[in-house]
Amino acid sequence: MGRRDTCADHRQRHLRHGDHAHQYTAAKCLKCGLCLEVCPNYVNGKTFFGAAFANDCYLVATRNRAEGGRIRALYAEHFGKTCSKSLSCMEVCPMKIPTLASMSKLNRLKR
């Protein structure tokens, strides 16, 4: 039976310095919902979950590689397929979270 990786080992192997900085920034989300208020793709009751969801998917997928495939599938279904990239979410965000960077990094994660 192989050695289990610790969280520190896992992060060292899979994340570069810039990824650590972006994780910190993405984790600052207040869940205030302003991104949903300005998003042209968000309609209450539909399956588009908005920028806060995309940032959370990025955070969870980079911290839990075992669930990465499932997280990416949820991201694709509830955000990736319907985001028109108007980026109004980034303009209104009080924490100035670069959601486009989260999207890009999530799309580039190794499967």
PDB file of N, CA and C in Angstrom:
ATOM      1  N   MET A   1       0.850  -1.173   0.000  1.00  0.00           N
ATOM      2  CA  MET A   1       0.000   0.000   0.000  1.00  0.00           C
ATOM      3  C   MET A   1       0.895   1.236   0.000  1.00  0.00           C
ATOM      4  N   GLY A   2       0.597   2.187  -0.855  1.00  0.00           N
ATOM      5  CA  GLY A   2       1.408   3.385  -1.000  1.00  0.00           C
ATOM      6  C   GLY A   2       1.190   4.386   0.116  1.00  0.00           C
ATOM      7  N   ARG A   3       2.106   5.308   0.216  1.00  0.00           N
ATOM      8  CA  ARG A   3       2.037   6.372   1.209  1.00  0.00           C
ATOM      9  C   ARG A   3       0.955   7.369   0.843  1.00  0.00           C
ATOM     10  N   ARG A   4       0.171   7.799   1.803  1.00  0.00           N
ATOM     11  CA  ARG A   4      -0.858   8.821   1.564  1.00  0.00           C
ATOM     12  C   ARG A   4      -0.209  10.187   1.563  1.00  0.00           C
ATOM     13  N   ASP A   5      -0.559  10.994   0.574  1.00  0.00           N
ATOM     14  CA  ASP A   5      -0.046  12.355   0.516  1.00  0.00           C
ATOM     15  C   ASP A   5      -0.732  13.221   1.561  1.00  0.00           C
ATOM     16  N   THR A   6       0.032  14.097   2.147  1.00  0.00           N
ATOM     17  CA  THR A   6      -0.559  15.082   3.046  1.00  0.00           C
ATOM     18  C   THR A   6      -1.063  16.241   2.206  1.00  0.00           C
ATOM     19  N   CYS A   7      -1.853  17.106   2.797  1.00  0.00           N
ATOM     20  CA  CYS A   7      -2.352  18.282   2.075  1.00  0.00           C
ATOM     21  C   CYS A   7      -1.194  19.126   1.560  1.00  0.00           C
ATOM     22  N   ALA A   8      -0.168  19.284   2.376  1.00  0.00           N
ATOM     23  CA  ALA A   8       0.982  20.095   1.964  1.00  0.00           C
ATOM     24  C   ALA A   8       1.678  19.478   0.758  1.00  0.00           C
ATOM     25  N   ASP A   9       1.862  18.145   0.769  1.00  0.00           N
ATOM     26  CA  ASP A   9       2.483  17.467  -0.371  1.00  0.00           C
ATOM     27  C   ASP A   9       1.657  17.677  -1.632  1.00  0.00           C
ATOM     28  N   HIS A  10       0.365  17.527  -1.484  1.00  0.00           N
ATOM     29  CA  HIS A  10      -0.559  17.668  -2.605  1.00  0.00           C
ATOM     30  C   HIS A  10      -0.463  19.067  -3.205  1.00  0.00           C
ATOM     31  N   ARG A  11      -0.511  20.068  -2.372  1.00  0.00           N
ATOM     32  CA  ARG A  11      -0.473  21.446  -2.872  1.00  0.00           C
ATOM     33  C   ARG A  11       0.866  21.763  -3.519  1.00  0.00           C
ATOM     34  N   GLN A  12       1.948  21.284  -2.923  1.00  0.00           N
ATOM     35  CA  GLN A  12       3.264  21.538  -3.491  1.00  0.00           C
ATOM     36  C   GLN A  12       3.382  20.945  -4.885  1.00  0.00           C
ATOM     37  N   ARG A  13       2.825  19.782  -5.076  1.00  0.00           N
ATOM     38  CA  ARG A  13       2.952  19.094  -6.350  1.00  0.00           C
ATOM     39  C   ARG A  13       2.074  19.691  -7.423  1.00  0.00           C
ATOM     40  N   HIS A  14       0.888  20.154  -7.076  1.00  0.00           N
ATOM     41  CA  HIS A  14      -0.085  20.537  -8.084  1.00  0.00           C
ATOM     42  C   HIS A  14      -0.287  22.033  -8.285  1.00  0.00           C
ATOM     43  N   LEU A  15       0.173  22.854  -7.372  1.00  0.00           N
ATOM     44  CA  LEU A  15      -0.092  24.283  -7.490  1.00  0.00           C
ATOM     45  C   LEU A  15       1.192  25.078  -7.633  1.00  0.00           C
ATOM     46  N   ARG A  16       1.165  25.985  -8.544  1.00  0.00           N
ATOM     47  CA  ARG A  16       2.281  26.903  -8.693  1.00  0.00           C
ATOM     48  C   ARG A  16       2.036  28.114  -7.811  1.00  0.00           C
ATOM     49  N   HIS A  17       3.030  28.964  -7.669  1.00  0.00           N
ATOM     50  CA  HIS A  17       2.921  30.138  -6.809  1.00  0.00           C
ATOM     51  C   HIS A  17       1.734  31.019  -7.206  1.00  0.00           C
ATOM     52  N   GLY A  18       1.551  31.249  -8.483  1.00  0.00           N
ATOM     53  CA  GLY A  18       0.442  32.083  -8.947  1.00  0.00           C
ATOM     54  C   GLY A  18      -0.904  31.492  -8.604  1.00  0.00           C
ATOM     55  N   ASP A  19      -0.978  30.172  -8.565  1.00  0.00           N
ATOM     56  CA  ASP A  19      -2.227  29.513  -8.196  1.00  0.00           C
ATOM     57  C   ASP A  19      -2.556  29.737  -6.722  1.00  0.00           C
ATOM     58  N   HIS A  20      -1.541  29.745  -5.890  1.00  0.00           N
ATOM     59  CA  HIS A  20      -1.778  30.017  -4.467  1.00  0.00           C
ATOM     60  C   HIS A  20      -2.336  31.423  -4.294  1.00  0.00           C
ATOM     61  N   ALA A  21      -1.764  32.367  -4.991  1.00  0.00           N
ATOM     62  CA  ALA A  21      -2.227  33.750  -4.900  1.00  0.00           C
ATOM     63  C   ALA A  21      -3.667  33.867  -5.395  1.00  0.00           C
ATOM     64  N   HIS A  22      -3.978  33.169  -6.476  1.00  0.00           N
ATOM     65  CA  HIS A  22      -5.341  33.249  -7.002  1.00  0.00           C
ATOM     66  C   HIS A  22      -6.329  32.538  -6.071  1.00  0.00           C
ATOM     67  N   GLN A  23      -5.937  31.448  -5.457  1.00  0.00           N
ATOM     68  CA  GLN A  23      -6.816  30.781  -4.497  1.00  0.00           C
ATOM     69  C   GLN A  23      -7.173  31.737  -3.365  1.00  0.00           C
ATOM     70  N   TYR A  24      -6.194  32.458  -2.886  1.00  0.00           N
ATOM     71  CA  TYR A  24      -6.435  33.422  -1.807  1.00  0.00           C
ATOM     72  C   TYR A  24      -7.431  34.491  -2.260  1.00  0.00           C
ATOM     73  N   THR A  25      -7.243  35.006  -3.465  1.00  0.00           N
ATOM     74  CA  THR A  25      -8.138  36.029  -3.999  1.00  0.00           C
ATOM     75  C   THR A  25      -9.547  35.489  -4.200  1.00  0.00           C
ATOM     76  N   ALA A  26      -9.662  34.316  -4.804  1.00  0.00           N
ATOM     77  CA  ALA A  26     -10.982  33.729  -5.063  1.00  0.00           C
ATOM     78  C   ALA A  26     -11.722  33.411  -3.771  1.00  0.00           C
ATOM     79  N   ALA A  27     -10.983  33.074  -2.727  1.00  0.00           N
ATOM     80  CA  ALA A  27     -11.600  32.727  -1.445  1.00  0.00           C
ATOM     81  C   ALA A  27     -12.164  33.955  -0.721  1.00  0.00           C
ATOM     82  N   LYS A  28     -11.889  35.130  -1.218  1.00  0.00           N
ATOM     83  CA  LYS A  28     -12.397  36.357  -0.591  1.00  0.00           C
ATOM     84  C   LYS A  28     -13.855  36.641  -0.936  1.00  0.00           C
ATOM     85  N   CYS A  29     -14.469  35.803  -1.757  1.00  0.00           N
ATOM     86  CA  CYS A  29     -15.854  36.031  -2.174  1.00  0.00           C
ATOM     87  C   CYS A  29     -16.763  36.179  -0.963  1.00  0.00           C
ATOM     88  N   LEU A  30     -17.573  37.226  -0.970  1.00  0.00           N
ATOM     89  CA  LEU A  30     -18.484  37.518   0.135  1.00  0.00           C
ATOM     90  C   LEU A  30     -19.829  36.815  -0.023  1.00  0.00           C
ATOM     91  N   LYS A  31     -20.060  36.215  -1.173  1.00  0.00           N
ATOM     92  CA  LYS A  31     -21.359  35.590  -1.502  1.00  0.00           C
ATOM     93  C   LYS A  31     -22.484  36.615  -1.408  1.00  0.00           C
ATOM     94  N   CYS A  32     -22.186  37.842  -1.831  1.00  0.00           N
ATOM     95  CA  CYS A  32     -23.154  38.943  -1.739  1.00  0.00           C
ATOM     96  C   CYS A  32     -24.219  38.882  -2.831  1.00  0.00           C
ATOM     97  N   GLY A  33     -23.915  38.215  -3.953  1.00  0.00           N
ATOM     98  CA  GLY A  33     -24.883  38.071  -5.030  1.00  0.00           C
ATOM     99  C   GLY A  33     -24.885  39.200  -6.048  1.00  0.00           C
ATOM    100  N   LEU A  34     -24.009  40.191  -5.902  1.00  0.00           N
ATOM    101  CA  LEU A  34     -23.966  41.276  -6.885  1.00  0.00           C
ATOM    102  C   LEU A  34     -23.632  40.748  -8.275  1.00  0.00           C
ATOM    103  N   CYS A  35     -22.805  39.723  -8.343  1.00  0.00           N
ATOM    104  CA  CYS A  35     -22.444  39.145  -9.645  1.00  0.00           C
ATOM    105  C   CYS A  35     -23.685  38.588 -10.342  1.00  0.00           C
ATOM    106  N   LEU A  36     -24.601  38.030  -9.575  1.00  0.00           N
ATOM    107  CA  LEU A  36     -25.829  37.490 -10.159  1.00  0.00           C
ATOM    108  C   LEU A  36     -26.766  38.607 -10.603  1.00  0.00           C
ATOM    109  N   GLU A  37     -26.787  39.701  -9.849  1.00  0.00           N
ATOM    110  CA  GLU A  37     -27.678  40.824 -10.177  1.00  0.00           C
ATOM    111  C   GLU A  37     -27.351  41.443 -11.536  1.00  0.00           C
ATOM    112  N   VAL A  38     -26.080  41.488 -11.896  1.00  0.00           N
ATOM    113  CA  VAL A  38     -25.687  42.137 -13.154  1.00  0.00           C
ATOM    114  C   VAL A  38     -25.478  41.166 -14.307  1.00  0.00           C
ATOM    115  N   CYS A  39     -25.485  39.885 -14.020  1.00  0.00           N
ATOM    116  CA  CYS A  39     -25.194  38.888 -15.054  1.00  0.00           C
ATOM    117  C   CYS A  39     -26.360  38.755 -16.035  1.00  0.00           C
ATOM    118  N   PRO A  40     -26.085  38.916 -17.332  1.00  0.00           N
ATOM    119  CA  PRO A  40     -27.151  38.765 -18.325  1.00  0.00           C
ATOM    120  C   PRO A  40     -27.597  37.305 -18.514  1.00  0.00           C
ATOM    121  N   ASN A  41     -26.816  36.362 -17.996  1.00  0.00           N
ATOM    122  CA  ASN A  41     -27.153  34.948 -18.147  1.00  0.00           C
ATOM    123  C   ASN A  41     -27.958  34.388 -16.983  1.00  0.00           C
ATOM    124  N   TYR A  42     -27.991  35.102 -15.886  1.00  0.00           N
ATOM    125  CA  TYR A  42     -28.670  34.588 -14.689  1.00  0.00           C
ATOM    126  C   TYR A  42     -30.154  34.921 -14.727  1.00  0.00           C
ATOM    127  N   VAL A  43     -30.971  33.893 -14.618  1.00  0.00           N
ATOM    128  CA  VAL A  43     -32.414  34.044 -14.496  1.00  0.00           C
ATOM    129  C   VAL A  43     -32.815  33.166 -13.315  1.00  0.00           C
ATOM    130  N   ASN A  44     -33.425  33.769 -12.320  1.00  0.00           N
ATOM    131  CA  ASN A  44     -33.792  33.031 -11.116  1.00  0.00           C
ATOM    132  C   ASN A  44     -34.629  31.795 -11.478  1.00  0.00           C
ATOM    133  N   GLY A  45     -34.252  30.676 -10.916  1.00  0.00           N
ATOM    134  CA  GLY A  45     -34.969  29.432 -11.178  1.00  0.00           C
ATOM    135  C   GLY A  45     -34.370  28.592 -12.288  1.00  0.00           C
ATOM    136  N   LYS A  46     -33.414  29.128 -13.016  1.00  0.00           N
ATOM    137  CA  LYS A  46     -32.755  28.362 -14.085  1.00  0.00           C
ATOM    138  C   LYS A  46     -31.512  27.680 -13.526  1.00  0.00           C
ATOM    139  N   THR A  47     -30.766  26.980 -14.361  1.00  0.00           N
ATOM    140  CA  THR A  47     -29.629  26.199 -13.881  1.00  0.00           C
ATOM    141  C   THR A  47     -28.284  26.912 -14.004  1.00  0.00           C
ATOM    142  N   PHE A  48     -28.260  28.185 -14.337  1.00  0.00           N
ATOM    143  CA  PHE A  48     -27.006  28.942 -14.373  1.00  0.00           C
ATOM    144  C   PHE A  48     -26.763  29.504 -12.980  1.00  0.00           C
ATOM    145  N   PHE A  49     -25.603  29.176 -12.372  1.00  0.00           N
ATOM    146  CA  PHE A  49     -25.362  29.518 -10.976  1.00  0.00           C
ATOM    147  C   PHE A  49     -24.487  30.745 -10.759  1.00  0.00           C
ATOM    148  N   GLY A  50     -23.841  31.265 -11.782  1.00  0.00           N
ATOM    149  CA  GLY A  50     -23.107  32.516 -11.655  1.00  0.00           C
ATOM    150  C   GLY A  50     -21.655  32.408 -11.230  1.00  0.00           C
ATOM    151  N   ALA A  51     -21.035  33.588 -11.126  1.00  0.00           N
ATOM    152  CA  ALA A  51     -19.597  33.700 -10.883  1.00  0.00           C
ATOM    153  C   ALA A  51     -19.167  33.138  -9.531  1.00  0.00           C
ATOM    154  N   ALA A  52     -19.960  33.328  -8.507  1.00  0.00           N
ATOM    155  CA  ALA A  52     -19.592  32.792  -7.190  1.00  0.00           C
ATOM    156  C   ALA A  52     -19.434  31.274  -7.262  1.00  0.00           C
ATOM    157  N   PHE A  53     -20.302  30.624  -8.011  1.00  0.00           N
ATOM    158  CA  PHE A  53     -20.229  29.180  -8.198  1.00  0.00           C
ATOM    159  C   PHE A  53     -18.953  28.798  -8.948  1.00  0.00           C
ATOM    160  N   ALA A  54     -18.616  29.555  -9.993  1.00  0.00           N
ATOM    161  CA  ALA A  54     -17.407  29.261 -10.770  1.00  0.00           C
ATOM    162  C   ALA A  54     -16.165  29.372  -9.893  1.00  0.00           C
ATOM    163  N   ASN A  55     -16.101  30.401  -9.061  1.00  0.00           N
ATOM    164  CA  ASN A  55     -14.955  30.564  -8.157  1.00  0.00           C
ATOM    165  C   ASN A  55     -14.896  29.431  -7.141  1.00  0.00           C
ATOM    166  N   ASP A  56     -16.046  29.045  -6.610  1.00  0.00           N
ATOM    167  CA  ASP A  56     -16.074  27.940  -5.653  1.00  0.00           C
ATOM    168  C   ASP A  56     -15.645  26.625  -6.306  1.00  0.00           C
ATOM    169  N   CYS A  57     -16.069  26.399  -7.533  1.00  0.00           N
ATOM    170  CA  CYS A  57     -15.647  25.184  -8.255  1.00  0.00           C
ATOM    171  C   CYS A  57     -14.133  25.152  -8.407  1.00  0.00           C
ATOM    172  N   TYR A  58     -13.553  26.290  -8.757  1.00  0.00           N
ATOM    173  CA  TYR A  58     -12.097  26.369  -8.884  1.00  0.00           C
ATOM    174  C   TYR A  58     -11.428  26.026  -7.553  1.00  0.00           C
ATOM    175  N   LEU A  59     -11.910  26.615  -6.485  1.00  0.00           N
ATOM    176  CA  LEU A  59     -11.309  26.375  -5.174  1.00  0.00           C
ATOM    177  C   LEU A  59     -11.411  24.907  -4.765  1.00  0.00           C
ATOM    178  N   VAL A  60     -12.574  24.318  -4.915  1.00  0.00           N
ATOM    179  CA  VAL A  60     -12.767  22.931  -4.506  1.00  0.00           C
ATOM    180  C   VAL A  60     -11.959  21.982  -5.394  1.00  0.00           C
ATOM    181  N   ALA A  61     -11.966  22.213  -6.685  1.00  0.00           N
ATOM    182  CA  ALA A  61     -11.250  21.326  -7.606  1.00  0.00           C
ATOM    183  C   ALA A  61      -9.742  21.357  -7.380  1.00  0.00           C
ATOM    184  N   THR A  62      -9.196  22.505  -7.014  1.00  0.00           N
ATOM    185  CA  THR A  62      -7.752  22.570  -6.776  1.00  0.00           C
ATOM    186  C   THR A  62      -7.364  22.021  -5.424  1.00  0.00           C
ATOM    187  N   ARG A  63      -8.301  21.951  -4.506  1.00  0.00           N
ATOM    188  CA  ARG A  63      -8.002  21.437  -3.172  1.00  0.00           C
ATOM    189  C   ARG A  63      -8.333  19.953  -3.028  1.00  0.00           C
ATOM    190  N   ASN A  64      -9.157  19.432  -3.914  1.00  0.00           N
ATOM    191  CA  ASN A  64      -9.583  18.038  -3.808  1.00  0.00           C
ATOM    192  C   ASN A  64      -9.547  17.410  -5.195  1.00  0.00           C
ATOM    193  N   ARG A  65      -8.381  16.938  -5.591  1.00  0.00           N
ATOM    194  CA  ARG A  65      -8.207  16.365  -6.925  1.00  0.00           C
ATOM    195  C   ARG A  65      -9.061  15.120  -7.143  1.00  0.00           C
ATOM    196  N   ALA A  66      -9.347  14.397  -6.083  1.00  0.00           N
ATOM    197  CA  ALA A  66     -10.152  13.180  -6.224  1.00  0.00           C
ATOM    198  C   ALA A  66     -11.551  13.504  -6.738  1.00  0.00           C
ATOM    199  N   GLU A  67     -12.066  14.647  -6.385  1.00  0.00           N
ATOM    200  CA  GLU A  67     -13.403  15.063  -6.817  1.00  0.00           C
ATOM    201  C   GLU A  67     -13.353  16.014  -8.011  1.00  0.00           C
ATOM    202  N   GLY A  68     -12.172  16.268  -8.531  1.00  0.00           N
ATOM    203  CA  GLY A  68     -11.996  17.236  -9.601  1.00  0.00           C
ATOM    204  C   GLY A  68     -12.864  16.995 -10.824  1.00  0.00           C
ATOM    205  N   GLY A  69     -12.976  15.750 -11.245  1.00  0.00           N
ATOM    206  CA  GLY A  69     -13.792  15.426 -12.420  1.00  0.00           C
ATOM    207  C   GLY A  69     -15.264  15.729 -12.200  1.00  0.00           C
ATOM    208  N   ARG A  70     -15.756  15.377 -11.029  1.00  0.00           N
ATOM    209  CA  ARG A  70     -17.160  15.645 -10.702  1.00  0.00           C
ATOM    210  C   ARG A  70     -17.414  17.150 -10.594  1.00  0.00           C
ATOM    211  N   ILE A  71     -16.467  17.872 -10.006  1.00  0.00           N
ATOM    212  CA  ILE A  71     -16.602  19.329  -9.870  1.00  0.00           C
ATOM    213  C   ILE A  71     -16.595  19.979 -11.250  1.00  0.00           C
ATOM    214  N   ARG A  72     -15.696  19.548 -12.127  1.00  0.00           N
ATOM    215  CA  ARG A  72     -15.650  20.118 -13.479  1.00  0.00           C
ATOM    216  C   ARG A  72     -16.938  19.837 -14.245  1.00  0.00           C
ATOM    217  N   ALA A  73     -17.532  18.666 -14.031  1.00  0.00           N
ATOM    218  CA  ALA A  73     -18.804  18.338 -14.695  1.00  0.00           C
ATOM    219  C   ALA A  73     -19.922  19.258 -14.203  1.00  0.00           C
ATOM    220  N   LEU A  74     -19.980  19.494 -12.906  1.00  0.00           N
ATOM    221  CA  LEU A  74     -20.981  20.416 -12.355  1.00  0.00           C
ATOM    222  C   LEU A  74     -20.763  21.831 -12.873  1.00  0.00           C
ATOM    223  N   TYR A  75     -19.493  22.237 -12.914  1.00  0.00           N
ATOM    224  CA  TYR A  75     -19.133  23.559 -13.435  1.00  0.00           C
ATOM    225  C   TYR A  75     -19.601  23.712 -14.889  1.00  0.00           C
ATOM    226  N   ALA A  76     -19.332  22.704 -15.705  1.00  0.00           N
ATOM    227  CA  ALA A  76     -19.733  22.761 -17.111  1.00  0.00           C
ATOM    228  C   ALA A  76     -21.248  22.861 -17.253  1.00  0.00           C
ATOM    229  N   GLU A  77     -21.961  22.094 -16.440  1.00  0.00           N
ATOM    230  CA  GLU A  77     -23.418  22.075 -16.535  1.00  0.00           C
ATOM    231  C   GLU A  77     -24.063  23.370 -16.047  1.00  0.00           C
ATOM    232  N   HIS A  78     -23.569  23.920 -14.963  1.00  0.00           N
ATOM    233  CA  HIS A  78     -24.239  25.056 -14.321  1.00  0.00           C
ATOM    234  C   HIS A  78     -23.564  26.406 -14.539  1.00  0.00           C
ATOM    235  N   PHE A  79     -22.453  26.421 -15.281  1.00  0.00           N
ATOM    236  CA  PHE A  79     -21.794  27.701 -15.553  1.00  0.00           C
ATOM    237  C   PHE A  79     -21.156  27.739 -16.930  1.00  0.00           C
ATOM    238  N   GLY A  80     -20.243  26.832 -17.173  1.00  0.00           N
ATOM    239  CA  GLY A  80     -19.427  26.869 -18.386  1.00  0.00           C
ATOM    240  C   GLY A  80     -20.192  26.886 -19.695  1.00  0.00           C
ATOM    241  N   LYS A  81     -21.280  26.136 -19.776  1.00  0.00           N
ATOM    242  CA  LYS A  81     -22.039  26.041 -21.031  1.00  0.00           C
ATOM    243  C   LYS A  81     -22.848  27.299 -21.336  1.00  0.00           C
ATOM    244  N   THR A  82     -23.167  28.089 -20.321  1.00  0.00           N
ATOM    245  CA  THR A  82     -24.057  29.231 -20.551  1.00  0.00           C
ATOM    246  C   THR A  82     -23.443  30.588 -20.279  1.00  0.00           C
ATOM    247  N   CYS A  83     -22.240  30.651 -19.771  1.00  0.00           N
ATOM    248  CA  CYS A  83     -21.607  31.954 -19.513  1.00  0.00           C
ATOM    249  C   CYS A  83     -21.242  32.609 -20.844  1.00  0.00           C
ATOM    250  N   SER A  84     -21.737  33.826 -21.057  1.00  0.00           N
ATOM    251  CA  SER A  84     -21.455  34.536 -22.307  1.00  0.00           C
ATOM    252  C   SER A  84     -20.191  35.382 -22.207  1.00  0.00           C
ATOM    253  N   LYS A  85     -19.531  35.348 -21.073  1.00  0.00           N
ATOM    254  CA  LYS A  85     -18.278  36.081 -20.832  1.00  0.00           C
ATOM    255  C   LYS A  85     -18.462  37.596 -20.967  1.00  0.00           C
ATOM    256  N   SER A  86     -19.595  38.114 -20.520  1.00  0.00           N
ATOM    257  CA  SER A  86     -19.770  39.575 -20.524  1.00  0.00           C
ATOM    258  C   SER A  86     -18.887  40.207 -19.457  1.00  0.00           C
ATOM    259  N   LEU A  87     -18.524  39.432 -18.450  1.00  0.00           N
ATOM    260  CA  LEU A  87     -17.625  39.823 -17.365  1.00  0.00           C
ATOM    261  C   LEU A  87     -18.144  40.981 -16.519  1.00  0.00           C
ATOM    262  N   SER A  88     -19.438  41.228 -16.574  1.00  0.00           N
ATOM    263  CA  SER A  88     -20.017  42.255 -15.711  1.00  0.00           C
ATOM    264  C   SER A  88     -19.854  41.866 -14.247  1.00  0.00           C
ATOM    265  N   CYS A  89     -19.736  40.569 -13.977  1.00  0.00           N
ATOM    266  CA  CYS A  89     -19.523  40.089 -12.607  1.00  0.00           C
ATOM    267  C   CYS A  89     -18.215  40.639 -12.033  1.00  0.00           C
ATOM    268  N   MET A  90     -17.190  40.713 -12.854  1.00  0.00           N
ATOM    269  CA  MET A  90     -15.900  41.201 -12.383  1.00  0.00           C
ATOM    270  C   MET A  90     -15.939  42.705 -12.134  1.00  0.00           C
ATOM    271  N   GLU A  91     -16.708  43.416 -12.932  1.00  0.00           N
ATOM    272  CA  GLU A  91     -16.797  44.870 -12.774  1.00  0.00           C
ATOM    273  C   GLU A  91     -17.503  45.261 -11.486  1.00  0.00           C
ATOM    274  N   VAL A  92     -18.518  44.497 -11.086  1.00  0.00           N
ATOM    275  CA  VAL A  92     -19.334  44.857  -9.935  1.00  0.00           C
ATOM    276  C   VAL A  92     -18.821  44.252  -8.621  1.00  0.00           C
ATOM    277  N   CYS A  93     -17.958  43.287  -8.690  1.00  0.00           N
ATOM    278  CA  CYS A  93     -17.498  42.575  -7.499  1.00  0.00           C
ATOM    279  C   CYS A  93     -16.790  43.510  -6.521  1.00  0.00           C
ATOM    280  N   PRO A  94     -17.295  43.608  -5.276  1.00  0.00           N
ATOM    281  CA  PRO A  94     -16.645  44.487  -4.300  1.00  0.00           C
ATOM    282  C   PRO A  94     -15.254  43.987  -3.887  1.00  0.00           C
ATOM    283  N   MET A  95     -14.985  42.706  -4.080  1.00  0.00           N
ATOM    284  CA  MET A  95     -13.676  42.147  -3.737  1.00  0.00           C
ATOM    285  C   MET A  95     -12.748  42.072  -4.957  1.00  0.00           C
ATOM    286  N   LYS A  96     -13.260  42.495  -6.118  1.00  0.00           N
ATOM    287  CA  LYS A  96     -12.480  42.505  -7.367  1.00  0.00           C
ATOM    288  C   LYS A  96     -11.902  41.126  -7.698  1.00  0.00           C
ATOM    289  N   ILE A  97     -12.727  40.108  -7.552  1.00  0.00           N
ATOM    290  CA  ILE A  97     -12.297  38.734  -7.848  1.00  0.00           C
ATOM    291  C   ILE A  97     -12.259  38.527  -9.364  1.00  0.00           C
ATOM    292  N   PRO A  98     -11.123  38.112  -9.894  1.00  0.00           N
ATOM    293  CA  PRO A  98     -11.004  37.883 -11.335  1.00  0.00           C
ATOM    294  C   PRO A  98     -11.594  36.530 -11.743  1.00  0.00           C
ATOM    295  N   THR A  99     -12.897  36.499 -11.902  1.00  0.00           N
ATOM    296  CA  THR A  99     -13.593  35.251 -12.228  1.00  0.00           C
ATOM    297  C   THR A  99     -13.063  34.633 -13.516  1.00  0.00           C
ATOM    298  N   LEU A 100     -12.679  35.445 -14.470  1.00  0.00           N
ATOM    299  CA  LEU A 100     -12.134  34.914 -15.725  1.00  0.00           C
ATOM    300  C   LEU A 100     -10.885  34.075 -15.461  1.00  0.00           C
ATOM    301  N   ALA A 101     -10.069  34.479 -14.507  1.00  0.00           N
ATOM    302  CA  ALA A 101      -8.881  33.693 -14.158  1.00  0.00           C
ATOM    303  C   ALA A 101      -9.284  32.356 -13.535  1.00  0.00           C
ATOM    304  N   SER A 102     -10.319  32.361 -12.693  1.00  0.00           N
ATOM    305  CA  SER A 102     -10.798  31.099 -12.107  1.00  0.00           C
ATOM    306  C   SER A 102     -11.289  30.164 -13.201  1.00  0.00           C
ATOM    307  N   MET A 103     -12.022  30.710 -14.152  1.00  0.00           N
ATOM    308  CA  MET A 103     -12.528  29.907 -15.265  1.00  0.00           C
ATOM    309  C   MET A 103     -11.372  29.310 -16.057  1.00  0.00           C
ATOM    310  N   SER A 104     -10.407  30.130 -16.367  1.00  0.00           N
ATOM    311  CA  SER A 104      -9.262  29.691 -17.154  1.00  0.00           C
ATOM    312  C   SER A 104      -8.472  28.603 -16.424  1.00  0.00           C
ATOM    313  N   LYS A 105      -8.191  28.836 -15.156  1.00  0.00           N
ATOM    314  CA  LYS A 105      -7.419  27.863 -14.382  1.00  0.00           C
ATOM    315  C   LYS A 105      -8.185  26.543 -14.212  1.00  0.00           C
ATOM    316  N   LEU A 106      -9.486  26.633 -14.007  1.00  0.00           N
ATOM    317  CA  LEU A 106     -10.298  25.423 -13.871  1.00  0.00           C
ATOM    318  C   LEU A 106     -10.315  24.636 -15.181  1.00  0.00           C
ATOM    319  N   ASN A 107     -10.406  25.338 -16.293  1.00  0.00           N
ATOM    320  CA  ASN A 107     -10.420  24.665 -17.589  1.00  0.00           C
ATOM    321  C   ASN A 107      -9.091  23.987 -17.905  1.00  0.00           C
ATOM    322  N   ARG A 108      -7.999  24.477 -17.319  1.00  0.00           N
ATOM    323  CA  ARG A 108      -6.683  23.913 -17.584  1.00  0.00           C
ATOM    324  C   ARG A 108      -6.252  22.837 -16.598  1.00  0.00           C
ATOM    325  N   LEU A 109      -7.040  22.590 -15.565  1.00  0.00           N
ATOM    326  CA  LEU A 109      -6.673  21.555 -14.601  1.00  0.00           C
ATOM    327  C   LEU A 109      -6.549  20.211 -15.296  1.00  0.00           C
ATOM    328  N   LYS A 110      -5.522  19.475 -14.902  1.00  0.00           N
ATOM    329  CA  LYS A 110      -5.338  18.136 -15.483  1.00  0.00           C
ATOM    330  C   LYS A 110      -6.398  17.215 -14.951  1.00  0.00           C
ATOM    331  N   ARG A 111      -6.866  16.380 -15.800  1.00  0.00           N
ATOM    332  CA  ARG A 111      -7.931  15.436 -15.433  1.00  0.00           C
ATOM    333  C   ARG A 111      -7.366  14.240 -14.737  1.00  0.00           C
TER     334      ARG A 111
END
